[in-house]
Amino acid sequence: MSTIHTEILIWTSPEDAWAAARDVGALHSRLVPGFVTDTRLDASADPPVRLVTFASGLTLKETIVACDDRARRLVWTISGEGVVHHNGALSIHDAGPGQTRVVWIADVLPHNLADSFGPLMAQGLDVMRRHLEGAD
């Protein structure tokens, strides 16, 4: 299994970053607008499932595994599109006054998915930073 680890420092409060990240049905408007163009949430599913459409047109089905407000950690899986295994975790950390460190880790199979997922995760974090800092 390949592990992808990405992180970024954002000039926003951890509370504001977490409020946007935990709103699992609003990726396209609250967290990474433009990178994600639509999010459809089936909150009646147990666990919740969202269909995420990316700027490329690709739509992925993501199952929300955990949303831990105390730890500020969101975990999800992806199914379909050649993914044998995916476990993604986004965590929000206090990095000092007015700063937040966002860590996004994904474990994927097959291994070659890391070659395409890694750059996309880095791009997603950059979009998140620009949006949460008000620069987009």
N, C-alpha and C. Protein backbone atom coordinates (compact mmCIF):
# COMPACT_ATOMS: atom_id res chain seq x y z
N MET A 1 0.85 -1.17 0.00
CA MET A 1 0.00 0.00 0.00
C MET A 1 0.89 1.23 0.00
N SER A 2 0.51 2.24 -0.77
CA SER A 2 1.24 3.50 -0.82
C SER A 2 0.56 4.52 0.09
N THR A 3 1.38 5.26 0.82
CA THR A 3 0.88 6.33 1.68
C THR A 3 1.33 7.66 1.11
N ILE A 4 0.40 8.58 0.98
CA ILE A 4 0.68 9.93 0.51
C ILE A 4 0.46 10.86 1.70
N HIS A 5 1.44 11.69 1.99
CA HIS A 5 1.36 12.63 3.11
C HIS A 5 1.58 14.03 2.56
N THR A 6 0.57 14.90 2.72
CA THR A 6 0.69 16.29 2.30
C THR A 6 0.26 17.18 3.45
N GLU A 7 0.85 18.35 3.53
CA GLU A 7 0.40 19.30 4.56
C GLU A 7 0.73 20.71 4.11
N ILE A 8 0.03 21.65 4.75
CA ILE A 8 0.18 23.07 4.39
C ILE A 8 -0.14 23.93 5.61
N LEU A 9 0.49 25.09 5.65
CA LEU A 9 0.21 26.08 6.69
C LEU A 9 -0.74 27.12 6.10
N ILE A 10 -1.83 27.40 6.83
CA ILE A 10 -2.84 28.34 6.35
C ILE A 10 -3.03 29.43 7.39
N TRP A 11 -3.11 30.67 6.94
CA TRP A 11 -3.34 31.81 7.83
C TRP A 11 -4.84 31.96 8.05
N THR A 12 -5.35 31.13 8.92
CA THR A 12 -6.74 31.18 9.39
C THR A 12 -6.78 30.44 10.72
N SER A 13 -7.85 30.61 11.44
CA SER A 13 -7.95 29.90 12.72
C SER A 13 -8.30 28.44 12.48
N PRO A 14 -7.84 27.54 13.37
CA PRO A 14 -8.22 26.14 13.24
C PRO A 14 -9.73 25.95 13.32
N GLU A 15 -10.40 26.80 14.09
CA GLU A 15 -11.87 26.69 14.20
C GLU A 15 -12.54 26.96 12.87
N ASP A 16 -12.07 27.99 12.15
CA ASP A 16 -12.66 28.31 10.85
C ASP A 16 -12.34 27.23 9.81
N ALA A 17 -11.10 26.74 9.84
CA ALA A 17 -10.72 25.68 8.90
C ALA A 17 -11.53 24.42 9.16
N TRP A 18 -11.70 24.06 10.43
CA TRP A 18 -12.45 22.86 10.77
C TRP A 18 -13.93 23.02 10.40
N ALA A 19 -14.49 24.19 10.63
CA ALA A 19 -15.91 24.41 10.28
C ALA A 19 -16.13 24.14 8.79
N ALA A 20 -15.20 24.56 7.95
CA ALA A 20 -15.33 24.33 6.51
C ALA A 20 -15.08 22.86 6.17
N ALA A 21 -14.08 22.25 6.77
CA ALA A 21 -13.74 20.86 6.46
C ALA A 21 -14.82 19.88 6.91
N ARG A 22 -15.42 20.14 8.07
CA ARG A 22 -16.41 19.20 8.60
C ARG A 22 -17.76 19.31 7.90
N ASP A 23 -17.95 20.34 7.09
CA ASP A 23 -19.18 20.50 6.31
C ASP A 23 -19.04 19.62 5.06
N VAL A 24 -19.19 18.32 5.26
CA VAL A 24 -18.83 17.32 4.25
C VAL A 24 -19.64 17.41 2.96
N GLY A 25 -20.75 18.09 2.98
CA GLY A 25 -21.56 18.24 1.78
C GLY A 25 -21.31 19.53 1.03
N ALA A 26 -20.31 20.30 1.46
CA ALA A 26 -20.09 21.62 0.85
C ALA A 26 -18.63 21.84 0.45
N LEU A 27 -17.95 20.79 0.01
CA LEU A 27 -16.57 20.94 -0.44
C LEU A 27 -16.46 22.01 -1.52
N HIS A 28 -17.41 22.01 -2.44
CA HIS A 28 -17.38 22.89 -3.61
C HIS A 28 -17.62 24.36 -3.27
N SER A 29 -18.16 24.64 -2.10
CA SER A 29 -18.44 26.04 -1.75
C SER A 29 -17.67 26.52 -0.53
N ARG A 30 -17.37 25.64 0.42
CA ARG A 30 -16.77 26.10 1.67
C ARG A 30 -15.30 25.76 1.83
N LEU A 31 -14.80 24.74 1.12
CA LEU A 31 -13.44 24.29 1.38
C LEU A 31 -12.52 24.42 0.17
N VAL A 32 -12.92 23.89 -0.96
CA VAL A 32 -12.04 23.88 -2.15
C VAL A 32 -12.81 24.24 -3.43
N PRO A 33 -13.44 25.42 -3.45
CA PRO A 33 -14.20 25.80 -4.66
C PRO A 33 -13.29 25.90 -5.87
N GLY A 34 -13.79 25.38 -6.98
CA GLY A 34 -13.01 25.36 -8.21
C GLY A 34 -12.27 24.04 -8.37
N PHE A 35 -11.66 23.54 -7.32
CA PHE A 35 -11.02 22.23 -7.34
C PHE A 35 -12.11 21.16 -7.35
N VAL A 36 -13.13 21.36 -6.50
CA VAL A 36 -14.34 20.53 -6.50
C VAL A 36 -15.46 21.43 -6.99
N THR A 37 -16.22 20.97 -7.99
CA THR A 37 -17.28 21.79 -8.57
C THR A 37 -18.67 21.45 -8.06
N ASP A 38 -18.83 20.26 -7.45
CA ASP A 38 -20.13 19.89 -6.89
C ASP A 38 -19.94 18.80 -5.86
N THR A 39 -20.77 18.83 -4.83
CA THR A 39 -20.80 17.80 -3.80
C THR A 39 -22.26 17.48 -3.52
N ARG A 40 -22.61 16.22 -3.69
CA ARG A 40 -23.96 15.75 -3.38
C ARG A 40 -23.87 14.81 -2.19
N LEU A 41 -24.53 15.16 -1.10
CA LEU A 41 -24.44 14.37 0.13
C LEU A 41 -25.72 13.59 0.35
N ASP A 42 -25.57 12.30 0.60
CA ASP A 42 -26.69 11.47 1.03
C ASP A 42 -26.51 11.24 2.53
N ALA A 43 -26.99 12.20 3.30
CA ALA A 43 -26.83 12.15 4.75
C ALA A 43 -27.71 11.06 5.37
N SER A 44 -28.69 10.56 4.62
CA SER A 44 -29.55 9.50 5.15
C SER A 44 -28.83 8.16 5.12
N ALA A 45 -27.78 8.05 4.31
CA ALA A 45 -27.00 6.82 4.28
C ALA A 45 -26.26 6.69 5.61
N ASP A 46 -26.02 5.47 6.04
CA ASP A 46 -25.31 5.24 7.29
C ASP A 46 -24.18 4.26 7.04
N PRO A 47 -22.96 4.76 6.95
CA PRO A 47 -22.49 6.13 7.16
C PRO A 47 -22.81 7.02 5.96
N PRO A 48 -22.69 8.36 6.15
CA PRO A 48 -22.99 9.29 5.06
C PRO A 48 -22.11 9.04 3.83
N VAL A 49 -22.69 9.27 2.66
CA VAL A 49 -21.97 9.10 1.39
C VAL A 49 -22.11 10.39 0.60
N ARG A 50 -21.01 10.80 -0.04
CA ARG A 50 -21.08 11.98 -0.89
C ARG A 50 -20.52 11.64 -2.26
N LEU A 51 -21.11 12.27 -3.28
CA LEU A 51 -20.59 12.21 -4.64
C LEU A 51 -19.87 13.52 -4.89
N VAL A 52 -18.59 13.43 -5.18
CA VAL A 52 -17.75 14.61 -5.33
C VAL A 52 -17.33 14.73 -6.80
N THR A 53 -17.66 15.87 -7.41
CA THR A 53 -17.27 16.12 -8.80
C THR A 53 -16.13 17.12 -8.79
N PHE A 54 -15.04 16.73 -9.44
CA PHE A 54 -13.84 17.56 -9.51
C PHE A 54 -13.84 18.39 -10.78
N ALA A 55 -12.98 19.39 -10.84
CA ALA A 55 -12.90 20.30 -11.99
C ALA A 55 -12.62 19.53 -13.28
N SER A 56 -11.95 18.41 -13.19
CA SER A 56 -11.65 17.59 -14.36
C SER A 56 -12.89 16.89 -14.92
N GLY A 57 -13.99 16.89 -14.15
CA GLY A 57 -15.20 16.18 -14.54
C GLY A 57 -15.33 14.83 -13.86
N LEU A 58 -14.27 14.33 -13.26
CA LEU A 58 -14.30 13.06 -12.55
C LEU A 58 -15.21 13.17 -11.33
N THR A 59 -16.07 12.17 -11.13
CA THR A 59 -16.93 12.10 -9.96
C THR A 59 -16.57 10.85 -9.18
N LEU A 60 -16.33 11.02 -7.88
CA LEU A 60 -15.99 9.91 -7.01
C LEU A 60 -17.02 9.76 -5.90
N LYS A 61 -17.27 8.52 -5.52
CA LYS A 61 -18.15 8.21 -4.40
C LYS A 61 -17.29 8.07 -3.15
N GLU A 62 -17.58 8.91 -2.15
CA GLU A 62 -16.81 8.90 -0.92
C GLU A 62 -17.73 8.58 0.26
N THR A 63 -17.33 7.63 1.06
CA THR A 63 -18.05 7.28 2.27
C THR A 63 -17.35 7.93 3.46
N ILE A 64 -18.10 8.68 4.25
CA ILE A 64 -17.54 9.33 5.43
C ILE A 64 -17.42 8.30 6.54
N VAL A 65 -16.20 8.04 6.98
CA VAL A 65 -15.94 7.04 8.01
C VAL A 65 -16.02 7.66 9.40
N ALA A 66 -15.43 8.85 9.55
CA ALA A 66 -15.42 9.51 10.86
C ALA A 66 -15.32 11.01 10.69
N CYS A 67 -16.01 11.73 11.57
CA CYS A 67 -15.92 13.18 11.65
C CYS A 67 -15.79 13.51 13.13
N ASP A 68 -14.54 13.70 13.58
CA ASP A 68 -14.24 13.84 15.00
C ASP A 68 -14.00 15.31 15.31
N ASP A 69 -14.99 15.97 15.92
CA ASP A 69 -14.87 17.38 16.24
C ASP A 69 -13.77 17.66 17.27
N ARG A 70 -13.61 16.79 18.23
CA ARG A 70 -12.59 17.01 19.27
C ARG A 70 -11.19 16.97 18.67
N ALA A 71 -10.92 16.00 17.82
CA ALA A 71 -9.60 15.85 17.21
C ALA A 71 -9.46 16.69 15.93
N ARG A 72 -10.57 17.28 15.46
CA ARG A 72 -10.61 17.99 14.17
C ARG A 72 -10.04 17.10 13.07
N ARG A 73 -10.67 15.94 12.91
CA ARG A 73 -10.19 14.94 11.96
C ARG A 73 -11.37 14.35 11.20
N LEU A 74 -11.22 14.33 9.86
CA LEU A 74 -12.23 13.76 8.97
C LEU A 74 -11.59 12.60 8.22
N VAL A 75 -12.31 11.47 8.16
CA VAL A 75 -11.80 10.28 7.49
C VAL A 75 -12.84 9.80 6.49
N TRP A 76 -12.40 9.39 5.28
CA TRP A 76 -13.31 8.90 4.26
C TRP A 76 -12.63 7.84 3.41
N THR A 77 -13.44 7.09 2.68
CA THR A 77 -12.95 6.11 1.71
C THR A 77 -13.50 6.49 0.34
N ILE A 78 -12.83 6.02 -0.69
CA ILE A 78 -13.29 6.20 -2.07
C ILE A 78 -13.54 4.82 -2.66
N SER A 79 -14.62 4.69 -3.41
CA SER A 79 -14.87 3.43 -4.10
C SER A 79 -15.03 3.70 -5.60
N GLY A 80 -14.66 2.70 -6.40
CA GLY A 80 -14.79 2.81 -7.85
C GLY A 80 -13.57 3.40 -8.52
N GLU A 81 -13.67 3.65 -9.82
CA GLU A 81 -12.61 4.30 -10.62
C GLU A 81 -11.25 3.63 -10.46
N GLY A 82 -11.21 2.29 -10.42
CA GLY A 82 -9.95 1.58 -10.33
C GLY A 82 -9.31 1.60 -8.96
N VAL A 83 -10.02 2.08 -7.95
CA VAL A 83 -9.49 2.14 -6.59
C VAL A 83 -9.80 0.81 -5.89
N VAL A 84 -8.75 0.11 -5.50
CA VAL A 84 -8.91 -1.12 -4.74
C VAL A 84 -9.07 -0.79 -3.26
N HIS A 85 -8.26 0.18 -2.79
CA HIS A 85 -8.34 0.63 -1.40
C HIS A 85 -7.99 2.11 -1.33
N HIS A 86 -8.75 2.85 -0.54
CA HIS A 86 -8.42 4.25 -0.26
C HIS A 86 -8.93 4.58 1.13
N ASN A 87 -8.05 5.16 1.92
CA ASN A 87 -8.42 5.70 3.22
C ASN A 87 -7.80 7.09 3.29
N GLY A 88 -8.64 8.12 3.33
CA GLY A 88 -8.15 9.49 3.41
C GLY A 88 -8.45 10.08 4.76
N ALA A 89 -7.52 10.87 5.29
CA ALA A 89 -7.73 11.53 6.58
C ALA A 89 -7.21 12.96 6.48
N LEU A 90 -8.07 13.90 6.84
CA LEU A 90 -7.71 15.31 6.88
C LEU A 90 -7.78 15.75 8.33
N SER A 91 -6.69 16.32 8.82
CA SER A 91 -6.69 16.79 10.21
C SER A 91 -6.23 18.24 10.26
N ILE A 92 -6.84 18.96 11.19
CA ILE A 92 -6.63 20.40 11.36
C ILE A 92 -5.91 20.62 12.70
N HIS A 93 -4.78 21.35 12.67
CA HIS A 93 -3.98 21.55 13.88
C HIS A 93 -3.70 23.04 14.10
N ASP A 94 -3.73 23.45 15.36
CA ASP A 94 -3.35 24.81 15.73
C ASP A 94 -1.85 24.96 15.49
N ALA A 95 -1.46 25.99 14.75
CA ALA A 95 -0.05 26.21 14.43
C ALA A 95 0.43 27.56 14.97
N GLY A 96 -0.25 28.10 15.95
CA GLY A 96 0.12 29.39 16.51
C GLY A 96 -0.95 30.42 16.21
N PRO A 97 -0.79 31.63 16.72
CA PRO A 97 -1.81 32.66 16.55
C PRO A 97 -2.19 32.89 15.07
N GLY A 98 -3.45 32.63 14.76
CA GLY A 98 -3.96 32.87 13.41
C GLY A 98 -3.49 31.90 12.36
N GLN A 99 -2.88 30.79 12.77
CA GLN A 99 -2.35 29.83 11.81
C GLN A 99 -2.89 28.43 12.06
N THR A 100 -3.02 27.70 10.97
CA THR A 100 -3.50 26.33 11.01
C THR A 100 -2.61 25.47 10.14
N ARG A 101 -2.27 24.30 10.64
CA ARG A 101 -1.56 23.31 9.83
C ARG A 101 -2.59 22.25 9.44
N VAL A 102 -2.74 22.05 8.14
CA VAL A 102 -3.67 21.04 7.63
C VAL A 102 -2.85 19.88 7.10
N VAL A 103 -3.16 18.68 7.58
CA VAL A 103 -2.46 17.47 7.16
C VAL A 103 -3.47 16.56 6.47
N TRP A 104 -3.11 16.10 5.27
CA TRP A 104 -3.96 15.20 4.50
C TRP A 104 -3.13 13.98 4.16
N ILE A 105 -3.57 12.83 4.65
CA ILE A 105 -2.87 11.57 4.42
C ILE A 105 -3.84 10.61 3.75
N ALA A 106 -3.34 9.90 2.73
CA ALA A 106 -4.16 8.90 2.06
C ALA A 106 -3.34 7.63 1.86
N ASP A 107 -3.96 6.51 2.13
CA ASP A 107 -3.38 5.19 1.83
C ASP A 107 -4.16 4.65 0.64
N VAL A 108 -3.43 4.22 -0.41
CA VAL A 108 -4.11 3.82 -1.65
C VAL A 108 -3.54 2.52 -2.21
N LEU A 109 -4.41 1.79 -2.86
CA LEU A 109 -4.06 0.64 -3.70
C LEU A 109 -4.89 0.74 -4.96
N PRO A 110 -4.37 0.42 -6.10
CA PRO A 110 -3.00 -0.02 -6.36
C PRO A 110 -1.98 1.11 -6.12
N HIS A 111 -0.73 0.70 -5.96
CA HIS A 111 0.34 1.63 -5.62
C HIS A 111 0.45 2.80 -6.60
N ASN A 112 0.21 2.54 -7.89
CA ASN A 112 0.40 3.61 -8.89
C ASN A 112 -0.60 4.74 -8.75
N LEU A 113 -1.65 4.56 -7.97
CA LEU A 113 -2.59 5.68 -7.72
C LEU A 113 -1.90 6.83 -7.01
N ALA A 114 -0.85 6.53 -6.25
CA ALA A 114 -0.12 7.58 -5.54
C ALA A 114 0.47 8.59 -6.53
N ASP A 115 0.84 8.12 -7.72
CA ASP A 115 1.43 9.02 -8.73
C ASP A 115 0.45 10.09 -9.19
N SER A 116 -0.84 9.77 -9.24
CA SER A 116 -1.83 10.77 -9.65
C SER A 116 -2.49 11.44 -8.46
N PHE A 117 -2.73 10.70 -7.37
CA PHE A 117 -3.39 11.27 -6.21
C PHE A 117 -2.52 12.30 -5.49
N GLY A 118 -1.23 12.04 -5.38
CA GLY A 118 -0.32 12.92 -4.65
C GLY A 118 -0.35 14.36 -5.16
N PRO A 119 -0.12 14.59 -6.46
CA PRO A 119 -0.18 15.95 -6.97
C PRO A 119 -1.56 16.59 -6.83
N LEU A 120 -2.62 15.79 -6.96
CA LEU A 120 -3.97 16.34 -6.80
C LEU A 120 -4.23 16.74 -5.35
N MET A 121 -3.72 15.98 -4.41
CA MET A 121 -3.88 16.33 -3.00
C MET A 121 -3.14 17.63 -2.69
N ALA A 122 -1.92 17.78 -3.22
CA ALA A 122 -1.16 19.02 -3.02
C ALA A 122 -1.90 20.20 -3.64
N GLN A 123 -2.47 20.00 -4.82
CA GLN A 123 -3.23 21.07 -5.47
C GLN A 123 -4.47 21.42 -4.65
N GLY A 124 -5.16 20.40 -4.13
CA GLY A 124 -6.34 20.63 -3.30
C GLY A 124 -6.00 21.44 -2.05
N LEU A 125 -4.88 21.14 -1.42
CA LEU A 125 -4.48 21.90 -0.23
C LEU A 125 -4.15 23.35 -0.59
N ASP A 126 -3.53 23.56 -1.75
CA ASP A 126 -3.23 24.93 -2.16
C ASP A 126 -4.52 25.72 -2.42
N VAL A 127 -5.49 25.09 -3.05
CA VAL A 127 -6.79 25.74 -3.27
C VAL A 127 -7.44 26.05 -1.93
N MET A 128 -7.38 25.11 -1.00
CA MET A 128 -7.94 25.31 0.34
C MET A 128 -7.27 26.51 1.01
N ARG A 129 -5.95 26.57 0.94
CA ARG A 129 -5.22 27.69 1.55
C ARG A 129 -5.65 29.01 0.97
N ARG A 130 -5.68 29.11 -0.36
CA ARG A 130 -6.06 30.36 -1.00
C ARG A 130 -7.49 30.75 -0.61
N HIS A 131 -8.41 29.78 -0.60
CA HIS A 131 -9.80 30.08 -0.28
C HIS A 131 -9.96 30.53 1.17
N LEU A 132 -9.37 29.77 2.10
CA LEU A 132 -9.53 30.11 3.52
C LEU A 132 -8.79 31.37 3.91
N GLU A 133 -7.77 31.73 3.15
CA GLU A 133 -7.08 33.00 3.40
C GLU A 133 -7.74 34.17 2.67
N GLY A 134 -8.78 33.86 1.88
CA GLY A 134 -9.50 34.91 1.17
C GLY A 134 -8.80 35.42 -0.07
N ALA A 135 -7.90 34.61 -0.63
CA ALA A 135 -7.12 35.05 -1.79
C ALA A 135 -7.70 34.56 -3.11
N ASP A 136 -8.81 33.83 -3.10
CA ASP A 136 -9.34 33.34 -4.38
C ASP A 136 -10.41 34.22 -4.94
